[in-house]
Amino acid sequence: MSSFIAGARLLVGLFTHDPVVLEHGVTYLRIISLGFPFYAFGFVMMSAFNGAGDTRTPTLINLVVFWALQLPLAWLLSHHTNLGPSGVFVTLAVCFSVFAAIGVALFRRGGWKLTRV
C-alpha cells in the first residue's frame, strides 16, 4: 500500500508521459490504495461465505455495494461536487470499505451456518 502512495508518480510514469493522465493516475493510486486493505478483507469474507456453501449472500452483497451504491455514488461525486474524476476514485475506496463492513456484519450474524449444500 505505501509503495502505491509514495511511488505513485514513478509507477504511473512508466506508462505515460502525458501530464494530465499522469496526475489522474497518481491521484487514483494514492486514493484507491487506501481502500485495498478493506477490499482484501472483504474478499476474504466473501470467500468464507462461498466456502461454507452460501453463494447467495456474497452475490447480494456484490449487487448492492458494486451496483446499487458504487455506480450512483461515483456519478454523484464526480458530477455534483468539485471532486471531478477524484470522486470516482473516492467512491471506489469507500465502497471497498462498505463491502468489508457488510461482509463482517453478515458473517457474524451466522446465517451462513444454516446453508445446506
PDB file of N, CA and C in Angstrom:
ATOM      1  N   MET A   1       0.827  -1.184   0.000  1.00  0.00           N
ATOM      2  CA  MET A   1       0.000   0.000   0.000  1.00  0.00           C
ATOM      3  C   MET A   1       0.877   1.255   0.000  1.00  0.00           C
ATOM      4  N   SER A   2       1.871   1.297   0.866  1.00  0.00           N
ATOM      5  CA  SER A   2       2.695   2.501   0.955  1.00  0.00           C
ATOM      6  C   SER A   2       3.493   2.733  -0.326  1.00  0.00           C
ATOM      7  N   SER A   3       3.824   1.654  -1.055  1.00  0.00           N
ATOM      8  CA  SER A   3       4.553   1.847  -2.308  1.00  0.00           C
ATOM      9  C   SER A   3       3.671   2.509  -3.359  1.00  0.00           C
ATOM     10  N   PHE A   4       2.350   2.247  -3.313  1.00  0.00           N
ATOM     11  CA  PHE A   4       1.443   2.912  -4.239  1.00  0.00           C
ATOM     12  C   PHE A   4       1.278   4.384  -3.877  1.00  0.00           C
ATOM     13  N   ILE A   5       1.349   4.695  -2.603  1.00  0.00           N
ATOM     14  CA  ILE A   5       1.205   6.085  -2.187  1.00  0.00           C
ATOM     15  C   ILE A   5       2.497   6.855  -2.469  1.00  0.00           C
ATOM     16  N   ALA A   6       3.610   6.322  -1.984  1.00  0.00           N
ATOM     17  CA  ALA A   6       4.888   7.020  -2.136  1.00  0.00           C
ATOM     18  C   ALA A   6       5.427   6.973  -3.559  1.00  0.00           C
ATOM     19  N   GLY A   7       5.222   5.856  -4.238  1.00  0.00           N
ATOM     20  CA  GLY A   7       5.797   5.697  -5.575  1.00  0.00           C
ATOM     21  C   GLY A   7       4.805   5.856  -6.700  1.00  0.00           C
ATOM     22  N   ALA A   8       3.676   6.484  -6.419  1.00  0.00           N
ATOM     23  CA  ALA A   8       2.620   6.606  -7.429  1.00  0.00           C
ATOM     24  C   ALA A   8       3.116   7.295  -8.706  1.00  0.00           C
ATOM     25  N   ARG A   9       3.824   8.386  -8.553  1.00  0.00           N
ATOM     26  CA  ARG A   9       4.288   9.130  -9.729  1.00  0.00           C
ATOM     27  C   ARG A   9       5.262   8.280 -10.565  1.00  0.00           C
ATOM     28  N   LEU A  10       6.131   7.575  -9.911  1.00  0.00           N
ATOM     29  CA  LEU A  10       7.083   6.720 -10.619  1.00  0.00           C
ATOM     30  C   LEU A  10       6.365   5.585 -11.340  1.00  0.00           C
ATOM     31  N   LEU A  11       5.419   4.936 -10.652  1.00  0.00           N
ATOM     32  CA  LEU A  11       4.691   3.823 -11.260  1.00  0.00           C
ATOM     33  C   LEU A  11       3.862   4.267 -12.457  1.00  0.00           C
ATOM     34  N   VAL A  12       3.113   5.333 -12.313  1.00  0.00           N
ATOM     35  CA  VAL A  12       2.283   5.818 -13.417  1.00  0.00           C
ATOM     36  C   VAL A  12       3.165   6.342 -14.540  1.00  0.00           C
ATOM     37  N   GLY A  13       4.280   6.941 -14.177  1.00  0.00           N
ATOM     38  CA  GLY A  13       5.214   7.462 -15.173  1.00  0.00           C
ATOM     39  C   GLY A  13       5.792   6.395 -16.081  1.00  0.00           C
ATOM     40  N   LEU A  14       5.743   5.141 -15.655  1.00  0.00           N
ATOM     41  CA  LEU A  14       6.193   4.041 -16.508  1.00  0.00           C
ATOM     42  C   LEU A  14       5.265   3.832 -17.699  1.00  0.00           C
ATOM     43  N   PHE A  15       4.023   4.296 -17.580  1.00  0.00           N
ATOM     44  CA  PHE A  15       3.023   4.038 -18.603  1.00  0.00           C
ATOM     45  C   PHE A  15       2.622   5.254 -19.424  1.00  0.00           C
ATOM     46  N   THR A  16       2.909   6.445 -18.938  1.00  0.00           N
ATOM     47  CA  THR A  16       2.514   7.645 -19.675  1.00  0.00           C
ATOM     48  C   THR A  16       3.433   8.815 -19.356  1.00  0.00           C
ATOM     49  N   HIS A  17       3.513   9.718 -20.323  1.00  0.00           N
ATOM     50  CA  HIS A  17       4.249  10.965 -20.117  1.00  0.00           C
ATOM     51  C   HIS A  17       3.310  12.159 -20.263  1.00  0.00           C
ATOM     52  N   ASP A  18       2.032  11.880 -20.554  1.00  0.00           N
ATOM     53  CA  ASP A  18       1.017  12.922 -20.663  1.00  0.00           C
ATOM     54  C   ASP A  18       0.765  13.473 -19.256  1.00  0.00           C
ATOM     55  N   PRO A  19       0.991  14.769 -19.027  1.00  0.00           N
ATOM     56  CA  PRO A  19       0.876  15.320 -17.677  1.00  0.00           C
ATOM     57  C   PRO A  19      -0.532  15.199 -17.066  1.00  0.00           C
ATOM     58  N   VAL A  20      -1.574  15.290 -17.874  1.00  0.00           N
ATOM     59  CA  VAL A  20      -2.938  15.175 -17.352  1.00  0.00           C
ATOM     60  C   VAL A  20      -3.211  13.742 -16.910  1.00  0.00           C
ATOM     61  N   VAL A  21      -2.852  12.801 -17.751  1.00  0.00           N
ATOM     62  CA  VAL A  21      -3.035  11.384 -17.418  1.00  0.00           C
ATOM     63  C   VAL A  21      -2.183  11.018 -16.208  1.00  0.00           C
ATOM     64  N   LEU A  22      -0.977  11.532 -16.160  1.00  0.00           N
ATOM     65  CA  LEU A  22      -0.079  11.263 -15.043  1.00  0.00           C
ATOM     66  C   LEU A  22      -0.695  11.735 -13.725  1.00  0.00           C
ATOM     67  N   GLU A  23      -1.235  12.936 -13.707  1.00  0.00           N
ATOM     68  CA  GLU A  23      -1.833  13.463 -12.472  1.00  0.00           C
ATOM     69  C   GLU A  23      -3.048  12.646 -12.042  1.00  0.00           C
ATOM     70  N   HIS A  24      -3.903  12.283 -12.998  1.00  0.00           N
ATOM     71  CA  HIS A  24      -5.069  11.456 -12.650  1.00  0.00           C
ATOM     72  C   HIS A  24      -4.626  10.083 -12.150  1.00  0.00           C
ATOM     73  N   GLY A  25      -3.626   9.515 -12.779  1.00  0.00           N
ATOM     74  CA  GLY A  25      -3.127   8.208 -12.362  1.00  0.00           C
ATOM     75  C   GLY A  25      -2.522   8.238 -10.966  1.00  0.00           C
ATOM     76  N   VAL A  26      -1.769   9.271 -10.677  1.00  0.00           N
ATOM     77  CA  VAL A  26      -1.159   9.422  -9.350  1.00  0.00           C
ATOM     78  C   VAL A  26      -2.246   9.583  -8.294  1.00  0.00           C
ATOM     79  N   THR A  27      -3.218  10.428  -8.578  1.00  0.00           N
ATOM     80  CA  THR A  27      -4.330  10.627  -7.641  1.00  0.00           C
ATOM     81  C   THR A  27      -5.078   9.323  -7.425  1.00  0.00           C
ATOM     82  N   TYR A  28      -5.345   8.620  -8.514  1.00  0.00           N
ATOM     83  CA  TYR A  28      -6.042   7.331  -8.431  1.00  0.00           C
ATOM     84  C   TYR A  28      -5.295   6.360  -7.520  1.00  0.00           C
ATOM     85  N   LEU A  29      -4.031   6.146  -7.776  1.00  0.00           N
ATOM     86  CA  LEU A  29      -3.260   5.182  -6.977  1.00  0.00           C
ATOM     87  C   LEU A  29      -3.210   5.567  -5.506  1.00  0.00           C
ATOM     88  N   ARG A  30      -3.057   6.834  -5.232  1.00  0.00           N
ATOM     89  CA  ARG A  30      -2.970   7.273  -3.837  1.00  0.00           C
ATOM     90  C   ARG A  30      -4.283   7.107  -3.095  1.00  0.00           C
ATOM     91  N   ILE A  31      -5.395   7.368  -3.762  1.00  0.00           N
ATOM     92  CA  ILE A  31      -6.695   7.234  -3.098  1.00  0.00           C
ATOM     93  C   ILE A  31      -7.108   5.768  -3.006  1.00  0.00           C
ATOM     94  N   ILE A  32      -7.029   5.060  -4.107  1.00  0.00           N
ATOM     95  CA  ILE A  32      -7.532   3.686  -4.144  1.00  0.00           C
ATOM     96  C   ILE A  32      -6.696   2.751  -3.266  1.00  0.00           C
ATOM     97  N   SER A  33      -5.426   3.052  -3.108  1.00  0.00           N
ATOM     98  CA  SER A  33      -4.591   2.178  -2.277  1.00  0.00           C
ATOM     99  C   SER A  33      -5.030   2.210  -0.813  1.00  0.00           C
ATOM    100  N   LEU A  34      -5.705   3.265  -0.406  1.00  0.00           N
ATOM    101  CA  LEU A  34      -6.238   3.316   0.953  1.00  0.00           C
ATOM    102  C   LEU A  34      -7.383   2.320   1.131  1.00  0.00           C
ATOM    103  N   GLY A  35      -8.067   1.990   0.052  1.00  0.00           N
ATOM    104  CA  GLY A  35      -9.165   1.039   0.113  1.00  0.00           C
ATOM    105  C   GLY A  35      -8.741  -0.404  -0.110  1.00  0.00           C
ATOM    106  N   PHE A  36      -7.520  -0.640  -0.596  1.00  0.00           N
ATOM    107  CA  PHE A  36      -7.066  -2.002  -0.882  1.00  0.00           C
ATOM    108  C   PHE A  36      -7.159  -2.950   0.313  1.00  0.00           C
ATOM    109  N   PRO A  37      -6.729  -2.558   1.514  1.00  0.00           N
ATOM    110  CA  PRO A  37      -6.833  -3.495   2.650  1.00  0.00           C
ATOM    111  C   PRO A  37      -8.283  -3.876   2.948  1.00  0.00           C
ATOM    112  N   PHE A  38      -9.206  -2.935   2.792  1.00  0.00           N
ATOM    113  CA  PHE A  38     -10.612  -3.231   3.021  1.00  0.00           C
ATOM    114  C   PHE A  38     -11.146  -4.179   1.951  1.00  0.00           C
ATOM    115  N   TYR A  39     -10.742  -3.951   0.697  1.00  0.00           N
ATOM    116  CA  TYR A  39     -11.179  -4.833  -0.379  1.00  0.00           C
ATOM    117  C   TYR A  39     -10.654  -6.252  -0.139  1.00  0.00           C
ATOM    118  N   ALA A  40      -9.400  -6.365   0.266  1.00  0.00           N
ATOM    119  CA  ALA A  40      -8.818  -7.682   0.529  1.00  0.00           C
ATOM    120  C   ALA A  40      -9.562  -8.389   1.648  1.00  0.00           C
ATOM    121  N   PHE A  41      -9.866  -7.656   2.705  1.00  0.00           N
ATOM    122  CA  PHE A  41     -10.594  -8.245   3.827  1.00  0.00           C
ATOM    123  C   PHE A  41     -12.002  -8.650   3.395  1.00  0.00           C
ATOM    124  N   GLY A  42     -12.663  -7.801   2.621  1.00  0.00           N
ATOM    125  CA  GLY A  42     -13.991  -8.121   2.111  1.00  0.00           C
ATOM    126  C   GLY A  42     -13.968  -9.335   1.210  1.00  0.00           C
ATOM    127  N   PHE A  43     -12.931  -9.451   0.405  1.00  0.00           N
ATOM    128  CA  PHE A  43     -12.797 -10.602  -0.480  1.00  0.00           C
ATOM    129  C   PHE A  43     -12.653 -11.892   0.329  1.00  0.00           C
ATOM    130  N   VAL A  44     -11.907 -11.831   1.421  1.00  0.00           N
ATOM    131  CA  VAL A  44     -11.774 -12.992   2.307  1.00  0.00           C
ATOM    132  C   VAL A  44     -13.128 -13.353   2.902  1.00  0.00           C
ATOM    133  N   MET A  45     -13.896 -12.339   3.297  1.00  0.00           N
ATOM    134  CA  MET A  45     -15.227 -12.593   3.862  1.00  0.00           C
ATOM    135  C   MET A  45     -16.132 -13.258   2.822  1.00  0.00           C
ATOM    136  N   MET A  46     -16.112 -12.769   1.590  1.00  0.00           N
ATOM    137  CA  MET A  46     -16.943 -13.361   0.541  1.00  0.00           C
ATOM    138  C   MET A  46     -16.513 -14.796   0.259  1.00  0.00           C
ATOM    139  N   SER A  47     -15.224 -15.057   0.310  1.00  0.00           N
ATOM    140  CA  SER A  47     -14.724 -16.411   0.096  1.00  0.00           C
ATOM    141  C   SER A  47     -15.136 -17.337   1.232  1.00  0.00           C
ATOM    142  N   ALA A  48     -15.222 -16.797   2.440  1.00  0.00           N
ATOM    143  CA  ALA A  48     -15.682 -17.608   3.579  1.00  0.00           C
ATOM    144  C   ALA A  48     -17.138 -18.028   3.374  1.00  0.00           C
ATOM    145  N   PHE A  49     -17.973 -17.097   2.909  1.00  0.00           N
ATOM    146  CA  PHE A  49     -19.362 -17.447   2.599  1.00  0.00           C
ATOM    147  C   PHE A  49     -19.410 -18.528   1.519  1.00  0.00           C
ATOM    148  N   ASN A  50     -18.660 -18.318   0.457  1.00  0.00           N
ATOM    149  CA  ASN A  50     -18.637 -19.287  -0.640  1.00  0.00           C
ATOM    150  C   ASN A  50     -18.151 -20.652  -0.178  1.00  0.00           C
ATOM    151  N   GLY A  51     -17.120 -20.654   0.643  1.00  0.00           N
ATOM    152  CA  GLY A  51     -16.583 -21.916   1.159  1.00  0.00           C
ATOM    153  C   GLY A  51     -17.572 -22.659   2.030  1.00  0.00           C
ATOM    154  N   ALA A  52     -18.453 -21.921   2.685  1.00  0.00           N
ATOM    155  CA  ALA A  52     -19.472 -22.540   3.527  1.00  0.00           C
ATOM    156  C   ALA A  52     -20.681 -22.971   2.700  1.00  0.00           C
ATOM    157  N   GLY A  53     -20.647 -22.713   1.401  1.00  0.00           N
ATOM    158  CA  GLY A  53     -21.746 -23.097   0.534  1.00  0.00           C
ATOM    159  C   GLY A  53     -22.808 -22.027   0.359  1.00  0.00           C
ATOM    160  N   ASP A  54     -22.619 -20.890   0.968  1.00  0.00           N
ATOM    161  CA  ASP A  54     -23.578 -19.788   0.863  1.00  0.00           C
ATOM    162  C   ASP A  54     -23.127 -18.845  -0.244  1.00  0.00           C
ATOM    163  N   THR A  55     -23.626 -19.069  -1.439  1.00  0.00           N
ATOM    164  CA  THR A  55     -23.250 -18.205  -2.564  1.00  0.00           C
ATOM    165  C   THR A  55     -24.232 -17.059  -2.754  1.00  0.00           C
ATOM    166  N   ARG A  56     -25.380 -17.159  -2.149  1.00  0.00           N
ATOM    167  CA  ARG A  56     -26.393 -16.117  -2.276  1.00  0.00           C
ATOM    168  C   ARG A  56     -25.959 -14.816  -1.587  1.00  0.00           C
ATOM    169  N   THR A  57     -25.440 -14.930  -0.373  1.00  0.00           N
ATOM    170  CA  THR A  57     -25.043 -13.739   0.391  1.00  0.00           C
ATOM    171  C   THR A  57     -23.978 -12.914  -0.330  1.00  0.00           C
ATOM    172  N   PRO A  58     -22.863 -13.506  -0.787  1.00  0.00           N
ATOM    173  CA  PRO A  58     -21.874 -12.679  -1.482  1.00  0.00           C
ATOM    174  C   PRO A  58     -22.409 -12.082  -2.785  1.00  0.00           C
ATOM    175  N   THR A  59     -23.295 -12.812  -3.445  1.00  0.00           N
ATOM    176  CA  THR A  59     -23.881 -12.284  -4.669  1.00  0.00           C
ATOM    177  C   THR A  59     -24.700 -11.034  -4.361  1.00  0.00           C
ATOM    178  N   LEU A  60     -25.519 -11.109  -3.330  1.00  0.00           N
ATOM    179  CA  LEU A  60     -26.342  -9.958  -2.956  1.00  0.00           C
ATOM    180  C   LEU A  60     -25.492  -8.783  -2.472  1.00  0.00           C
ATOM    181  N   ILE A  61     -24.449  -9.076  -1.699  1.00  0.00           N
ATOM    182  CA  ILE A  61     -23.561  -8.004  -1.224  1.00  0.00           C
ATOM    183  C   ILE A  61     -22.907  -7.309  -2.418  1.00  0.00           C
ATOM    184  N   ASN A  62     -22.418  -8.078  -3.371  1.00  0.00           N
ATOM    185  CA  ASN A  62     -21.792  -7.505  -4.561  1.00  0.00           C
ATOM    186  C   ASN A  62     -22.785  -6.662  -5.358  1.00  0.00           C
ATOM    187  N   LEU A  63     -24.002  -7.148  -5.523  1.00  0.00           N
ATOM    188  CA  LEU A  63     -25.013  -6.384  -6.254  1.00  0.00           C
ATOM    189  C   LEU A  63     -25.320  -5.061  -5.558  1.00  0.00           C
ATOM    190  N   VAL A  64     -25.474  -5.116  -4.251  1.00  0.00           N
ATOM    191  CA  VAL A  64     -25.808  -3.902  -3.504  1.00  0.00           C
ATOM    192  C   VAL A  64     -24.647  -2.912  -3.505  1.00  0.00           C
ATOM    193  N   VAL A  65     -23.458  -3.387  -3.148  1.00  0.00           N
ATOM    194  CA  VAL A  65     -22.326  -2.475  -3.000  1.00  0.00           C
ATOM    195  C   VAL A  65     -21.797  -1.974  -4.338  1.00  0.00           C
ATOM    196  N   PHE A  66     -21.565  -2.894  -5.270  1.00  0.00           N
ATOM    197  CA  PHE A  66     -20.881  -2.501  -6.501  1.00  0.00           C
ATOM    198  C   PHE A  66     -21.811  -2.076  -7.630  1.00  0.00           C
ATOM    199  N   TRP A  67     -23.104  -2.268  -7.476  1.00  0.00           N
ATOM    200  CA  TRP A  67     -24.041  -1.790  -8.492  1.00  0.00           C
ATOM    201  C   TRP A  67     -24.968  -0.718  -7.925  1.00  0.00           C
ATOM    202  N   ALA A  68     -25.656  -1.037  -6.847  1.00  0.00           N
ATOM    203  CA  ALA A  68     -26.647  -0.099  -6.311  1.00  0.00           C
ATOM    204  C   ALA A  68     -26.007   1.091  -5.594  1.00  0.00           C
ATOM    205  N   LEU A  69     -24.836   0.919  -5.004  1.00  0.00           N
ATOM    206  CA  LEU A  69     -24.171   2.011  -4.290  1.00  0.00           C
ATOM    207  C   LEU A  69     -23.066   2.659  -5.115  1.00  0.00           C
ATOM    208  N   GLN A  70     -22.161   1.856  -5.643  1.00  0.00           N
ATOM    209  CA  GLN A  70     -20.966   2.396  -6.288  1.00  0.00           C
ATOM    210  C   GLN A  70     -21.277   3.236  -7.528  1.00  0.00           C
ATOM    211  N   LEU A  71     -22.108   2.749  -8.405  1.00  0.00           N
ATOM    212  CA  LEU A  71     -22.377   3.496  -9.635  1.00  0.00           C
ATOM    213  C   LEU A  71     -23.039   4.843  -9.383  1.00  0.00           C
ATOM    214  N   PRO A  72     -24.133   4.889  -8.599  1.00  0.00           N
ATOM    215  CA  PRO A  72     -24.718   6.212  -8.349  1.00  0.00           C
ATOM    216  C   PRO A  72     -23.802   7.150  -7.565  1.00  0.00           C
ATOM    217  N   LEU A  73     -23.069   6.606  -6.595  1.00  0.00           N
ATOM    218  CA  LEU A  73     -22.179   7.443  -5.800  1.00  0.00           C
ATOM    219  C   LEU A  73     -21.046   8.009  -6.646  1.00  0.00           C
ATOM    220  N   ALA A  74     -20.498   7.201  -7.540  1.00  0.00           N
ATOM    221  CA  ALA A  74     -19.428   7.682  -8.426  1.00  0.00           C
ATOM    222  C   ALA A  74     -19.939   8.805  -9.314  1.00  0.00           C
ATOM    223  N   TRP A  75     -21.128   8.629  -9.854  1.00  0.00           N
ATOM    224  CA  TRP A  75     -21.714   9.679 -10.698  1.00  0.00           C
ATOM    225  C   TRP A  75     -21.966  10.943  -9.879  1.00  0.00           C
ATOM    226  N   LEU A  76     -22.527  10.763  -8.691  1.00  0.00           N
ATOM    227  CA  LEU A  76     -22.836  11.910  -7.827  1.00  0.00           C
ATOM    228  C   LEU A  76     -21.573  12.680  -7.456  1.00  0.00           C
ATOM    229  N   LEU A  77     -20.559  11.977  -6.977  1.00  0.00           N
ATOM    230  CA  LEU A  77     -19.339  12.658  -6.533  1.00  0.00           C
ATOM    231  C   LEU A  77     -18.531  13.258  -7.684  1.00  0.00           C
ATOM    232  N   SER A  78     -18.617  12.640  -8.850  1.00  0.00           N
ATOM    233  CA  SER A  78     -17.833  13.175  -9.969  1.00  0.00           C
ATOM    234  C   SER A  78     -18.535  14.309 -10.703  1.00  0.00           C
ATOM    235  N   HIS A  79     -19.868  14.347 -10.644  1.00  0.00           N
ATOM    236  CA  HIS A  79     -20.605  15.363 -11.390  1.00  0.00           C
ATOM    237  C   HIS A  79     -21.209  16.471 -10.524  1.00  0.00           C
ATOM    238  N   HIS A  80     -21.439  16.195  -9.256  1.00  0.00           N
ATOM    239  CA  HIS A  80     -22.137  17.178  -8.420  1.00  0.00           C
ATOM    240  C   HIS A  80     -21.302  17.676  -7.250  1.00  0.00           C
ATOM    241  N   THR A  81     -20.018  17.473  -7.326  1.00  0.00           N
ATOM    242  CA  THR A  81     -19.083  18.039  -6.349  1.00  0.00           C
ATOM    243  C   THR A  81     -17.901  18.591  -7.136  1.00  0.00           C
ATOM    244  N   ASN A  82     -16.979  19.189  -6.443  1.00  0.00           N
ATOM    245  CA  ASN A  82     -15.773  19.705  -7.096  1.00  0.00           C
ATOM    246  C   ASN A  82     -14.696  18.641  -7.256  1.00  0.00           C
ATOM    247  N   LEU A  83     -15.004  17.402  -6.928  1.00  0.00           N
ATOM    248  CA  LEU A  83     -14.001  16.336  -6.978  1.00  0.00           C
ATOM    249  C   LEU A  83     -13.656  15.906  -8.402  1.00  0.00           C
ATOM    250  N   GLY A  84     -14.603  15.980  -9.318  1.00  0.00           N
ATOM    251  CA  GLY A  84     -14.355  15.535 -10.691  1.00  0.00           C
ATOM    252  C   GLY A  84     -13.987  14.063 -10.714  1.00  0.00           C
ATOM    253  N   PRO A  85     -12.970  13.684 -11.496  1.00  0.00           N
ATOM    254  CA  PRO A  85     -12.580  12.281 -11.566  1.00  0.00           C
ATOM    255  C   PRO A  85     -12.170  11.696 -10.201  1.00  0.00           C
ATOM    256  N   SER A  86     -11.668  12.518  -9.323  1.00  0.00           N
ATOM    257  CA  SER A  86     -11.292  12.029  -7.991  1.00  0.00           C
ATOM    258  C   SER A  86     -12.505  11.511  -7.226  1.00  0.00           C
ATOM    259  N   GLY A  87     -13.693  11.989  -7.564  1.00  0.00           N
ATOM    260  CA  GLY A  87     -14.911  11.489  -6.943  1.00  0.00           C
ATOM    261  C   GLY A  87     -15.116  10.012  -7.222  1.00  0.00           C
ATOM    262  N   VAL A  88     -14.742   9.582  -8.410  1.00  0.00           N
ATOM    263  CA  VAL A  88     -14.837   8.157  -8.755  1.00  0.00           C
ATOM    264  C   VAL A  88     -13.829   7.364  -7.927  1.00  0.00           C
ATOM    265  N   PHE A  89     -12.631   7.902  -7.764  1.00  0.00           N
ATOM    266  CA  PHE A  89     -11.597   7.206  -7.002  1.00  0.00           C
ATOM    267  C   PHE A  89     -11.994   7.083  -5.532  1.00  0.00           C
ATOM    268  N   VAL A  90     -12.544   8.159  -4.988  1.00  0.00           N
ATOM    269  CA  VAL A  90     -13.008   8.147  -3.593  1.00  0.00           C
ATOM    270  C   VAL A  90     -14.136   7.127  -3.436  1.00  0.00           C
ATOM    271  N   THR A  91     -15.030   7.089  -4.413  1.00  0.00           N
ATOM    272  CA  THR A  91     -16.129   6.128  -4.369  1.00  0.00           C
ATOM    273  C   THR A  91     -15.617   4.700  -4.284  1.00  0.00           C
ATOM    274  N   LEU A  92     -14.607   4.379  -5.056  1.00  0.00           N
ATOM    275  CA  LEU A  92     -14.055   3.020  -5.024  1.00  0.00           C
ATOM    276  C   LEU A  92     -13.533   2.677  -3.633  1.00  0.00           C
ATOM    277  N   ALA A  93     -12.774   3.571  -3.045  1.00  0.00           N
ATOM    278  CA  ALA A  93     -12.224   3.317  -1.710  1.00  0.00           C
ATOM    279  C   ALA A  93     -13.340   3.188  -0.676  1.00  0.00           C
ATOM    280  N   VAL A  94     -14.350   4.031  -0.771  1.00  0.00           N
ATOM    281  CA  VAL A  94     -15.480   3.970   0.167  1.00  0.00           C
ATOM    282  C   VAL A  94     -16.232   2.650   0.002  1.00  0.00           C
ATOM    283  N   CYS A  95     -16.498   2.268  -1.234  1.00  0.00           N
ATOM    284  CA  CYS A  95     -17.243   1.027  -1.469  1.00  0.00           C
ATOM    285  C   CYS A  95     -16.460  -0.206  -1.040  1.00  0.00           C
ATOM    286  N   PHE A  96     -15.154  -0.175  -1.161  1.00  0.00           N
ATOM    287  CA  PHE A  96     -14.355  -1.296  -0.650  1.00  0.00           C
ATOM    288  C   PHE A  96     -14.549  -1.429   0.855  1.00  0.00           C
ATOM    289  N   SER A  97     -14.616  -0.303   1.540  1.00  0.00           N
ATOM    290  CA  SER A  97     -14.811  -0.316   2.990  1.00  0.00           C
ATOM    291  C   SER A  97     -16.207  -0.814   3.352  1.00  0.00           C
ATOM    292  N   VAL A  98     -17.214  -0.358   2.624  1.00  0.00           N
ATOM    293  CA  VAL A  98     -18.586  -0.808   2.865  1.00  0.00           C
ATOM    294  C   VAL A  98     -18.705  -2.306   2.581  1.00  0.00           C
ATOM    295  N   PHE A  99     -18.076  -2.761   1.524  1.00  0.00           N
ATOM    296  CA  PHE A  99     -18.040  -4.173   1.137  1.00  0.00           C
ATOM    297  C   PHE A  99     -17.536  -5.033   2.299  1.00  0.00           C
ATOM    298  N   ALA A 100     -16.433  -4.626   2.892  1.00  0.00           N
ATOM    299  CA  ALA A 100     -15.862  -5.371   4.023  1.00  0.00           C
ATOM    300  C   ALA A 100     -16.766  -5.291   5.245  1.00  0.00           C
ATOM    301  N   ALA A 101     -17.296  -4.120   5.552  1.00  0.00           N
ATOM    302  CA  ALA A 101     -18.136  -3.949   6.739  1.00  0.00           C
ATOM    303  C   ALA A 101     -19.407  -4.785   6.660  1.00  0.00           C
ATOM    304  N   ILE A 102     -20.062  -4.782   5.506  1.00  0.00           N
ATOM    305  CA  ILE A 102     -21.265  -5.595   5.346  1.00  0.00           C
ATOM    306  C   ILE A 102     -20.919  -7.073   5.441  1.00  0.00           C
ATOM    307  N   GLY A 103     -19.817  -7.464   4.834  1.00  0.00           N
ATOM    308  CA  GLY A 103     -19.386  -8.860   4.907  1.00  0.00           C
ATOM    309  C   GLY A 103     -19.164  -9.326   6.329  1.00  0.00           C
ATOM    310  N   VAL A 104     -18.487  -8.521   7.120  1.00  0.00           N
ATOM    311  CA  VAL A 104     -18.234  -8.868   8.524  1.00  0.00           C
ATOM    312  C   VAL A 104     -19.541  -8.936   9.300  1.00  0.00           C
ATOM    313  N   ALA A 105     -20.396  -7.944   9.108  1.00  0.00           N
ATOM    314  CA  ALA A 105     -21.667  -7.905   9.846  1.00  0.00           C
ATOM    315  C   ALA A 105     -22.517  -9.139   9.550  1.00  0.00           C
ATOM    316  N   LEU A 106     -22.635  -9.497   8.286  1.00  0.00           N
ATOM    317  CA  LEU A 106     -23.454 -10.658   7.933  1.00  0.00           C
ATOM    318  C   LEU A 106     -22.793 -11.965   8.349  1.00  0.00           C
ATOM    319  N   PHE A 107     -21.487 -12.020   8.277  1.00  0.00           N
ATOM    320  CA  PHE A 107     -20.788 -13.238   8.703  1.00  0.00           C
ATOM    321  C   PHE A 107     -20.991 -13.467  10.203  1.00  0.00           C
ATOM    322  N   ARG A 108     -20.915 -12.401  10.975  1.00  0.00           N
ATOM    323  CA  ARG A 108     -21.089 -12.516  12.430  1.00  0.00           C
ATOM    324  C   ARG A 108     -22.501 -12.925  12.814  1.00  0.00           C
ATOM    325  N   ARG A 109     -23.483 -12.583  11.977  1.00  0.00           N
ATOM    326  CA  ARG A 109     -24.866 -12.992  12.242  1.00  0.00           C
ATOM    327  C   ARG A 109     -25.010 -14.504  12.171  1.00  0.00           C
ATOM    328  N   GLY A 110     -24.197 -15.159  11.332  1.00  0.00           N
ATOM    329  CA  GLY A 110     -24.154 -16.612  11.309  1.00  0.00           C
ATOM    330  C   GLY A 110     -25.171 -17.295  10.418  1.00  0.00           C
ATOM    331  N   GLY A 111     -25.863 -16.555   9.562  1.00  0.00           N
ATOM    332  CA  GLY A 111     -26.840 -17.173   8.679  1.00  0.00           C
ATOM    333  C   GLY A 111     -26.222 -18.182   7.737  1.00  0.00           C
ATOM    334  N   TRP A 112     -24.954 -18.042   7.453  1.00  0.00           N
ATOM    335  CA  TRP A 112     -24.254 -18.961   6.556  1.00  0.00           C
ATOM    336  C   TRP A 112     -24.203 -20.370   7.139  1.00  0.00           C
ATOM    337  N   LYS A 113     -24.336 -20.505   8.476  1.00  0.00           N
ATOM    338  CA  LYS A 113     -24.288 -21.814   9.114  1.00  0.00           C
ATOM    339  C   LYS A 113     -25.509 -22.666   8.758  1.00  0.00           C
ATOM    340  N   LEU A 114     -26.574 -22.024   8.332  1.00  0.00           N
ATOM    341  CA  LEU A 114     -27.811 -22.731   8.026  1.00  0.00           C
ATOM    342  C   LEU A 114     -27.900 -23.181   6.571  1.00  0.00           C
ATOM    343  N   THR A 115     -26.900 -22.834   5.769  1.00  0.00           N
ATOM    344  CA  THR A 115     -26.908 -23.178   4.355  1.00  0.00           C
ATOM    345  C   THR A 115     -26.724 -24.669   4.168  1.00  0.00           C
ATOM    346  N   ARG A 116     -27.592 -25.236   3.344  1.00  0.00           N
ATOM    347  CA  ARG A 116     -27.465 -26.666   3.012  1.00  0.00           C
ATOM    348  C   ARG A 116     -26.811 -26.783   1.654  1.00  0.00           C
ATOM    349  N   VAL A 117     -25.822 -27.637   1.567  1.00  0.00           N
ATOM    350  CA  VAL A 117     -25.096 -27.831   0.322  1.00  0.00           C
ATOM    351  C   VAL A 117     -25.575 -29.112  -0.345  1.00  0.00           C
TER     352      VAL A 117
END
